[in-house]
N, C-alpha and C. Protein backbone atom coordinates (compact mmCIF):
# COMPACT_ATOMS: atom_id res chain seq x y z
N MET A 1 0.75 -1.04 0.00
CA MET A 1 -0.07 -0.01 -0.08
C MET A 1 0.85 1.31 -0.01
N LEU A 2 0.39 2.32 -0.52
CA LEU A 2 1.10 3.62 -0.65
C LEU A 2 0.20 4.55 -0.10
N GLN A 3 0.56 5.44 0.87
CA GLN A 3 -0.25 6.39 1.51
C GLN A 3 0.44 7.68 1.47
N LYS A 4 -0.16 8.67 0.92
CA LYS A 4 0.25 9.91 0.95
C LYS A 4 -0.12 10.54 2.22
N MET A 5 0.94 11.27 2.79
CA MET A 5 0.83 12.01 4.29
C MET A 5 0.75 13.51 4.09
N ASN A 6 0.17 14.01 5.20
CA ASN A 6 0.17 15.47 5.19
C ASN A 6 1.49 15.85 5.59
N SER A 7 1.82 17.24 5.49
CA SER A 7 3.03 17.82 5.70
C SER A 7 3.59 17.47 7.21
N ASN A 8 2.84 17.15 8.21
CA ASN A 8 3.27 16.73 9.46
C ASN A 8 3.88 15.40 9.48
N GLY A 9 3.74 14.62 8.39
CA GLY A 9 4.39 13.24 8.38
C GLY A 9 3.57 12.24 9.21
N VAL A 10 2.46 12.73 9.73
CA VAL A 10 1.64 11.67 10.72
C VAL A 10 0.33 11.41 10.19
N THR A 11 -0.29 12.39 9.61
CA THR A 11 -1.69 12.42 9.31
C THR A 11 -1.89 11.90 7.85
N PRO A 12 -2.64 11.05 7.60
CA PRO A 12 -2.88 10.41 6.15
C PRO A 12 -3.61 11.53 5.40
N ASP A 13 -3.35 11.64 4.15
CA ASP A 13 -4.02 12.53 3.09
C ASP A 13 -4.54 11.77 2.05
N GLY A 14 -5.88 11.54 2.15
CA GLY A 14 -6.62 10.71 1.31
C GLY A 14 -6.39 9.14 1.57
N SER A 15 -6.82 8.32 0.73
CA SER A 15 -6.97 6.94 0.97
C SER A 15 -5.75 6.24 0.32
N PRO A 16 -5.27 5.20 1.03
CA PRO A 16 -4.11 4.47 0.58
C PRO A 16 -4.36 3.78 -0.81
N ILE A 17 -3.51 3.47 -1.64
CA ILE A 17 -3.57 2.72 -2.87
C ILE A 17 -2.62 1.61 -2.77
N GLN A 18 -3.29 0.47 -3.42
CA GLN A 18 -2.48 -0.86 -3.48
C GLN A 18 -1.54 -0.65 -4.68
N ILE A 19 -0.27 -0.99 -4.44
CA ILE A 19 0.70 -0.77 -5.56
C ILE A 19 1.35 -2.12 -5.84
N LEU A 20 1.08 -3.18 -4.97
CA LEU A 20 1.73 -4.38 -5.51
C LEU A 20 0.67 -5.53 -4.98
N ASP A 21 0.45 -6.54 -5.74
CA ASP A 21 -0.43 -7.77 -5.61
C ASP A 21 0.43 -8.90 -5.13
N ARG A 22 -0.07 -9.75 -4.23
CA ARG A 22 0.57 -10.91 -3.80
C ARG A 22 0.17 -12.01 -4.79
N SER A 23 1.18 -12.86 -5.25
CA SER A 23 0.81 -14.03 -6.16
C SER A 23 1.10 -15.36 -5.34
N ASP A 24 0.80 -16.43 -5.95
CA ASP A 24 1.17 -17.76 -5.26
C ASP A 24 2.67 -17.92 -5.06
N ALA A 25 3.48 -17.30 -5.86
CA ALA A 25 4.94 -17.45 -5.74
C ALA A 25 5.32 -16.77 -4.42
N ASP A 26 4.54 -15.65 -3.95
CA ASP A 26 4.93 -14.96 -2.76
C ASP A 26 4.55 -15.57 -1.50
N GLY A 27 3.92 -16.86 -1.56
CA GLY A 27 3.56 -17.52 -0.29
C GLY A 27 2.42 -16.67 0.43
N PRO A 28 2.41 -16.76 1.69
CA PRO A 28 1.38 -16.04 2.46
C PRO A 28 1.44 -14.59 2.63
N LEU A 29 2.61 -13.93 2.24
CA LEU A 29 2.67 -12.44 2.46
C LEU A 29 3.73 -11.86 1.70
N ILE A 30 3.61 -10.58 1.59
CA ILE A 30 4.62 -9.56 0.93
C ILE A 30 4.84 -8.71 2.19
N GLU A 31 6.07 -8.24 2.50
CA GLU A 31 6.35 -7.47 3.61
C GLU A 31 7.74 -6.67 3.29
N ALA A 32 8.06 -5.94 4.30
CA ALA A 32 9.29 -5.04 4.31
C ALA A 32 9.48 -4.33 3.05
N PRO A 33 8.68 -3.36 2.57
CA PRO A 33 8.92 -2.58 1.42
C PRO A 33 9.85 -1.49 1.66
N SER A 34 10.76 -1.28 0.60
CA SER A 34 11.70 -0.32 0.59
C SER A 34 11.64 0.25 -0.80
N LEU A 35 11.45 1.57 -1.02
CA LEU A 35 11.20 2.29 -2.26
C LEU A 35 12.44 3.27 -2.52
N VAL A 36 12.90 3.25 -3.67
CA VAL A 36 13.88 4.22 -4.18
C VAL A 36 13.62 4.84 -5.54
N ARG A 37 13.83 5.93 -5.75
CA ARG A 37 13.84 6.55 -7.05
C ARG A 37 15.14 6.66 -7.69
N THR A 38 15.37 6.22 -8.82
CA THR A 38 16.73 6.32 -9.52
C THR A 38 16.82 7.52 -10.31
N SER A 39 18.07 7.85 -10.56
CA SER A 39 18.29 9.14 -11.40
C SER A 39 17.75 8.97 -12.85
N GLN A 40 17.36 7.81 -13.23
CA GLN A 40 16.69 7.48 -14.48
C GLN A 40 15.23 7.67 -14.36
N GLY A 41 14.62 8.05 -13.21
CA GLY A 41 13.21 8.21 -13.04
C GLY A 41 12.51 6.79 -12.89
N VAL A 42 13.17 5.80 -12.44
CA VAL A 42 12.39 4.38 -12.32
C VAL A 42 12.24 4.36 -10.76
N TYR A 43 11.14 3.96 -10.28
CA TYR A 43 10.96 3.59 -8.89
C TYR A 43 11.22 2.17 -8.76
N VAL A 44 12.01 1.70 -7.78
CA VAL A 44 12.37 0.36 -7.41
C VAL A 44 11.74 0.20 -6.06
N LEU A 45 10.83 -0.80 -6.01
CA LEU A 45 10.23 -1.23 -4.75
C LEU A 45 10.69 -2.62 -4.42
N PHE A 46 11.77 -2.69 -3.34
CA PHE A 46 12.27 -3.86 -2.87
C PHE A 46 11.19 -4.44 -1.90
N PHE A 47 10.98 -5.69 -1.78
CA PHE A 47 10.08 -6.37 -0.78
C PHE A 47 10.59 -7.79 -0.52
N SER A 48 10.08 -8.24 0.64
CA SER A 48 10.31 -9.79 0.89
C SER A 48 8.93 -10.43 0.85
N SER A 49 9.04 -11.76 0.52
CA SER A 49 7.88 -12.51 0.49
C SER A 49 8.15 -13.98 1.03
N ASN A 50 7.02 -14.63 1.43
CA ASN A 50 7.08 -16.00 2.14
C ASN A 50 7.31 -15.74 3.65
N CYS A 51 7.71 -16.56 4.33
CA CYS A 51 7.93 -16.48 5.83
C CYS A 51 9.34 -16.36 6.17
N TYR A 52 9.75 -15.47 7.05
CA TYR A 52 11.18 -15.34 7.43
C TYR A 52 11.78 -16.48 8.11
N ALA A 53 11.10 -17.38 8.59
CA ALA A 53 11.74 -18.50 9.29
C ALA A 53 11.80 -19.70 8.30
N GLY A 54 11.62 -19.53 7.12
CA GLY A 54 11.64 -20.72 6.30
C GLY A 54 12.68 -20.48 5.06
N PRO A 55 12.88 -21.57 4.28
CA PRO A 55 13.86 -21.33 3.25
C PRO A 55 13.40 -20.61 2.11
N PHE A 56 12.20 -20.32 1.98
CA PHE A 56 11.66 -19.62 0.78
C PHE A 56 11.52 -18.08 0.91
N TYR A 57 11.86 -17.52 1.95
CA TYR A 57 11.97 -16.16 2.35
C TYR A 57 12.94 -15.49 1.30
N ASP A 58 12.62 -14.45 0.81
CA ASP A 58 13.36 -13.86 -0.24
C ASP A 58 13.36 -12.32 -0.37
N ILE A 59 14.27 -11.79 -1.15
CA ILE A 59 14.11 -10.38 -1.41
C ILE A 59 13.98 -10.26 -2.88
N SER A 60 12.97 -9.45 -3.31
CA SER A 60 12.73 -9.26 -4.69
C SER A 60 12.37 -7.82 -4.89
N TYR A 61 12.03 -7.58 -6.05
CA TYR A 61 11.70 -6.04 -6.42
C TYR A 61 10.69 -5.95 -7.51
N ALA A 62 10.07 -4.80 -7.64
CA ALA A 62 9.12 -4.40 -8.65
C ALA A 62 9.54 -3.00 -9.19
N THR A 63 9.24 -2.62 -10.46
CA THR A 63 9.55 -1.38 -10.86
C THR A 63 8.47 -0.62 -11.61
N ALA A 64 8.44 0.66 -11.54
CA ALA A 64 7.40 1.53 -12.12
C ALA A 64 8.19 2.89 -12.57
N THR A 65 7.44 3.60 -13.45
CA THR A 65 7.90 4.87 -13.85
C THR A 65 7.15 6.00 -13.06
N ASN A 66 6.19 5.65 -12.34
CA ASN A 66 5.40 6.56 -11.62
C ASN A 66 5.37 6.09 -10.17
N VAL A 67 5.43 6.70 -9.06
CA VAL A 67 5.40 6.39 -7.72
C VAL A 67 4.05 5.59 -7.44
N ARG A 68 3.02 5.96 -8.11
CA ARG A 68 1.71 5.27 -7.84
C ARG A 68 1.50 3.94 -8.61
N GLY A 69 2.59 3.63 -9.38
CA GLY A 69 2.49 2.54 -10.29
C GLY A 69 1.94 2.67 -11.66
N PRO A 70 1.59 1.61 -12.45
CA PRO A 70 1.61 0.15 -11.89
C PRO A 70 3.10 -0.27 -11.86
N TYR A 71 3.27 -1.07 -10.83
CA TYR A 71 4.59 -1.76 -10.70
C TYR A 71 4.46 -3.13 -11.12
N THR A 72 5.57 -3.45 -11.86
CA THR A 72 5.83 -4.73 -12.45
C THR A 72 6.90 -5.58 -11.78
N LYS A 73 6.60 -6.78 -11.06
CA LYS A 73 7.49 -7.54 -10.50
C LYS A 73 8.48 -8.04 -11.43
N ALA A 74 9.79 -8.00 -11.03
CA ALA A 74 10.93 -8.66 -11.78
C ALA A 74 10.64 -10.15 -11.85
N GLN A 75 11.10 -10.77 -12.92
CA GLN A 75 10.96 -12.16 -13.13
C GLN A 75 12.33 -12.82 -13.19
N ALA A 76 12.43 -14.13 -13.23
CA ALA A 76 13.61 -14.92 -13.39
C ALA A 76 14.20 -14.59 -14.87
N PRO A 77 15.37 -14.36 -14.95
CA PRO A 77 16.41 -14.65 -14.02
C PRO A 77 16.94 -13.44 -13.11
N ASN A 78 16.03 -12.41 -13.22
CA ASN A 78 16.49 -11.27 -12.28
C ASN A 78 15.87 -11.26 -11.00
N ALA A 79 15.02 -12.15 -10.73
CA ALA A 79 14.36 -12.12 -9.30
C ALA A 79 14.07 -13.60 -9.03
N PRO A 80 14.04 -13.96 -7.88
CA PRO A 80 14.40 -13.05 -6.65
C PRO A 80 15.84 -12.62 -6.64
N LEU A 81 16.00 -11.54 -6.10
CA LEU A 81 17.37 -10.81 -5.95
C LEU A 81 18.33 -11.79 -4.92
N LEU A 82 17.58 -12.04 -3.88
CA LEU A 82 18.38 -13.05 -2.91
C LEU A 82 17.29 -14.13 -2.46
N VAL A 83 17.69 -15.24 -2.24
CA VAL A 83 16.92 -16.37 -1.62
C VAL A 83 17.94 -17.35 -1.07
N THR A 84 17.41 -18.23 -0.28
CA THR A 84 18.25 -19.20 0.51
C THR A 84 19.24 -19.89 -0.67
N GLY A 85 20.45 -19.80 -0.34
CA GLY A 85 21.50 -20.58 -1.23
C GLY A 85 21.79 -19.87 -2.60
N SER A 86 21.13 -18.68 -2.90
CA SER A 86 21.58 -18.15 -4.11
C SER A 86 21.40 -16.54 -4.02
N PRO A 87 22.33 -15.81 -4.47
CA PRO A 87 23.60 -16.20 -5.03
C PRO A 87 24.73 -16.59 -3.99
N TYR A 88 24.49 -16.37 -2.74
CA TYR A 88 25.30 -16.62 -1.51
C TYR A 88 24.86 -17.92 -0.82
N GLY A 89 25.46 -18.99 -1.18
CA GLY A 89 25.18 -20.24 -0.63
C GLY A 89 24.87 -20.28 1.03
N GLN A 90 25.87 -19.64 1.64
CA GLN A 90 25.89 -19.70 3.01
C GLN A 90 24.60 -19.02 3.82
N LEU A 91 23.78 -18.05 3.03
CA LEU A 91 22.72 -17.44 3.62
C LEU A 91 21.41 -18.16 3.61
N TYR A 92 20.87 -18.12 4.71
CA TYR A 92 19.48 -18.88 4.91
C TYR A 92 18.52 -17.83 5.12
N SER A 93 17.42 -17.75 4.36
CA SER A 93 16.32 -17.13 4.51
C SER A 93 16.56 -15.41 4.57
N PRO A 94 17.17 -14.91 3.62
CA PRO A 94 17.53 -13.45 3.49
C PRO A 94 16.33 -12.60 3.19
N GLY A 95 16.07 -11.58 3.92
CA GLY A 95 15.03 -10.69 3.69
C GLY A 95 15.06 -9.50 4.51
N GLY A 96 13.89 -8.74 4.58
CA GLY A 96 13.70 -7.56 5.28
C GLY A 96 14.67 -6.42 4.89
N ALA A 97 14.87 -6.21 3.56
CA ALA A 97 15.82 -5.42 3.03
C ALA A 97 15.44 -3.94 3.15
N ASP A 98 16.33 -3.10 3.14
CA ASP A 98 16.30 -1.69 3.05
C ASP A 98 17.28 -1.16 2.12
N VAL A 99 16.86 -0.26 1.16
CA VAL A 99 17.84 0.36 0.14
C VAL A 99 18.38 1.73 0.52
N SER A 100 19.60 1.96 0.18
CA SER A 100 20.23 3.35 0.52
C SER A 100 19.41 4.32 -0.39
N PRO A 101 19.32 5.63 0.02
CA PRO A 101 18.88 6.72 -0.90
C PRO A 101 19.34 6.82 -2.25
N ASP A 102 20.63 6.50 -2.34
CA ASP A 102 21.15 6.62 -3.68
C ASP A 102 21.12 5.25 -4.50
N GLY A 103 20.37 4.24 -3.83
CA GLY A 103 20.12 3.09 -4.65
C GLY A 103 21.29 2.19 -4.91
N THR A 104 22.46 2.45 -4.27
CA THR A 104 23.71 1.55 -4.37
C THR A 104 24.00 0.49 -3.43
N LYS A 105 23.21 0.46 -2.23
CA LYS A 105 23.50 -0.40 -1.19
C LYS A 105 22.21 -0.91 -0.70
N LEU A 106 22.17 -2.19 -0.17
CA LEU A 106 21.11 -2.83 0.37
C LEU A 106 21.61 -3.44 1.71
N VAL A 107 20.71 -3.28 2.77
CA VAL A 107 21.00 -3.72 4.11
C VAL A 107 19.80 -4.84 4.35
N PHE A 108 20.12 -6.04 4.81
CA PHE A 108 19.12 -7.05 5.02
C PHE A 108 19.58 -7.96 6.06
N HIS A 109 18.49 -8.86 6.47
CA HIS A 109 18.99 -9.87 7.47
C HIS A 109 18.87 -11.18 7.00
N ALA A 110 19.63 -12.23 7.47
CA ALA A 110 19.70 -13.50 6.98
C ALA A 110 20.27 -14.33 8.17
N ASP A 111 20.27 -15.53 8.05
CA ASP A 111 20.82 -16.36 9.01
C ASP A 111 22.12 -17.12 8.26
N LEU A 112 23.12 -17.26 9.06
CA LEU A 112 24.36 -17.85 8.39
C LEU A 112 24.32 -19.41 8.82
N GLY A 113 23.46 -20.17 8.06
CA GLY A 113 23.31 -21.67 8.61
C GLY A 113 22.13 -22.11 7.93
N THR A 114 21.39 -23.01 8.66
CA THR A 114 20.36 -23.71 8.03
C THR A 114 18.86 -23.54 8.66
N ASN A 115 18.84 -22.48 9.43
CA ASN A 115 17.60 -21.99 9.99
C ASN A 115 17.59 -20.69 10.46
N ALA A 116 16.49 -20.07 10.72
CA ALA A 116 16.42 -18.64 11.17
C ALA A 116 16.41 -18.30 12.55
N ASN A 117 17.15 -19.22 13.37
CA ASN A 117 17.11 -18.98 14.85
C ASN A 117 17.86 -17.74 15.20
N THR A 118 18.99 -17.41 14.42
CA THR A 118 19.80 -16.18 14.79
C THR A 118 19.96 -15.33 13.64
N ARG A 119 19.21 -14.28 13.48
CA ARG A 119 19.32 -13.24 12.37
C ARG A 119 20.55 -12.41 12.48
N GLN A 120 21.25 -12.39 11.44
CA GLN A 120 22.36 -11.33 11.40
C GLN A 120 22.06 -10.27 10.40
N MET A 121 22.82 -9.16 10.39
CA MET A 121 22.56 -8.07 9.46
C MET A 121 23.76 -8.16 8.44
N TYR A 122 23.45 -7.90 7.20
CA TYR A 122 24.31 -7.91 6.03
C TYR A 122 24.14 -6.69 5.09
N THR A 123 25.21 -6.39 4.51
CA THR A 123 24.98 -5.39 3.52
C THR A 123 25.56 -5.92 2.10
N ALA A 124 25.07 -5.27 1.05
CA ALA A 124 25.42 -5.72 -0.32
C ALA A 124 25.43 -4.58 -1.16
N ASN A 125 26.43 -4.45 -2.07
CA ASN A 125 26.46 -3.50 -3.20
C ASN A 125 25.47 -3.90 -4.20
N ILE A 126 24.52 -3.04 -4.67
CA ILE A 126 23.71 -3.31 -5.78
C ILE A 126 23.89 -2.18 -6.85
N LYS A 127 23.41 -2.57 -8.07
CA LYS A 127 23.49 -1.80 -9.33
C LYS A 127 22.05 -1.84 -9.86
N ILE A 128 21.53 -0.53 -10.09
CA ILE A 128 20.14 -0.49 -10.71
C ILE A 128 20.32 0.02 -12.14
N ASN A 129 20.08 -0.69 -13.14
CA ASN A 129 20.16 -0.28 -14.51
C ASN A 129 18.89 -0.31 -15.12
N GLY A 130 18.16 0.78 -15.29
CA GLY A 130 16.92 0.84 -15.81
C GLY A 130 15.90 0.08 -14.89
N HIS A 131 15.39 -1.12 -15.42
CA HIS A 131 14.37 -1.65 -14.60
C HIS A 131 14.90 -3.01 -13.96
N VAL A 132 16.32 -3.15 -14.11
CA VAL A 132 16.96 -4.37 -13.66
C VAL A 132 17.89 -4.05 -12.48
N VAL A 133 17.83 -4.91 -11.49
CA VAL A 133 18.80 -4.74 -10.18
C VAL A 133 19.67 -5.87 -10.19
N THR A 134 20.95 -5.70 -9.98
CA THR A 134 21.89 -6.73 -9.88
C THR A 134 22.53 -6.59 -8.58
N ILE A 135 23.10 -7.73 -8.05
CA ILE A 135 23.84 -7.58 -6.73
C ILE A 135 25.12 -8.27 -6.92
């Protein structure tokens, strides 16, 4: 959902709009949105889907040319951006990402092992080229 706010940053201005739909591939939920606008005028919405405690939790993204959408989810081979075992085999259940304002860094949590009992914080350099994000 996207919600415009009044200048006080607290009070909603109008009704929220849905900018991303959940699909079967997303499992039971989509969460942890992080949005950046590139110098090329592309909005990149990073999000996680599935459950953080399982092997299918991931970081993916969708792009649009207007902040209100429509947003198009990235598809394979460009997405998901991070998932258990790929591209970093030692990471289990990566997700909950936040992107830097300049769109060059990603901070996220994952487990270094085979379960999500102890989450650690990681950072990664990313590159956004048009509507494609690489790590």
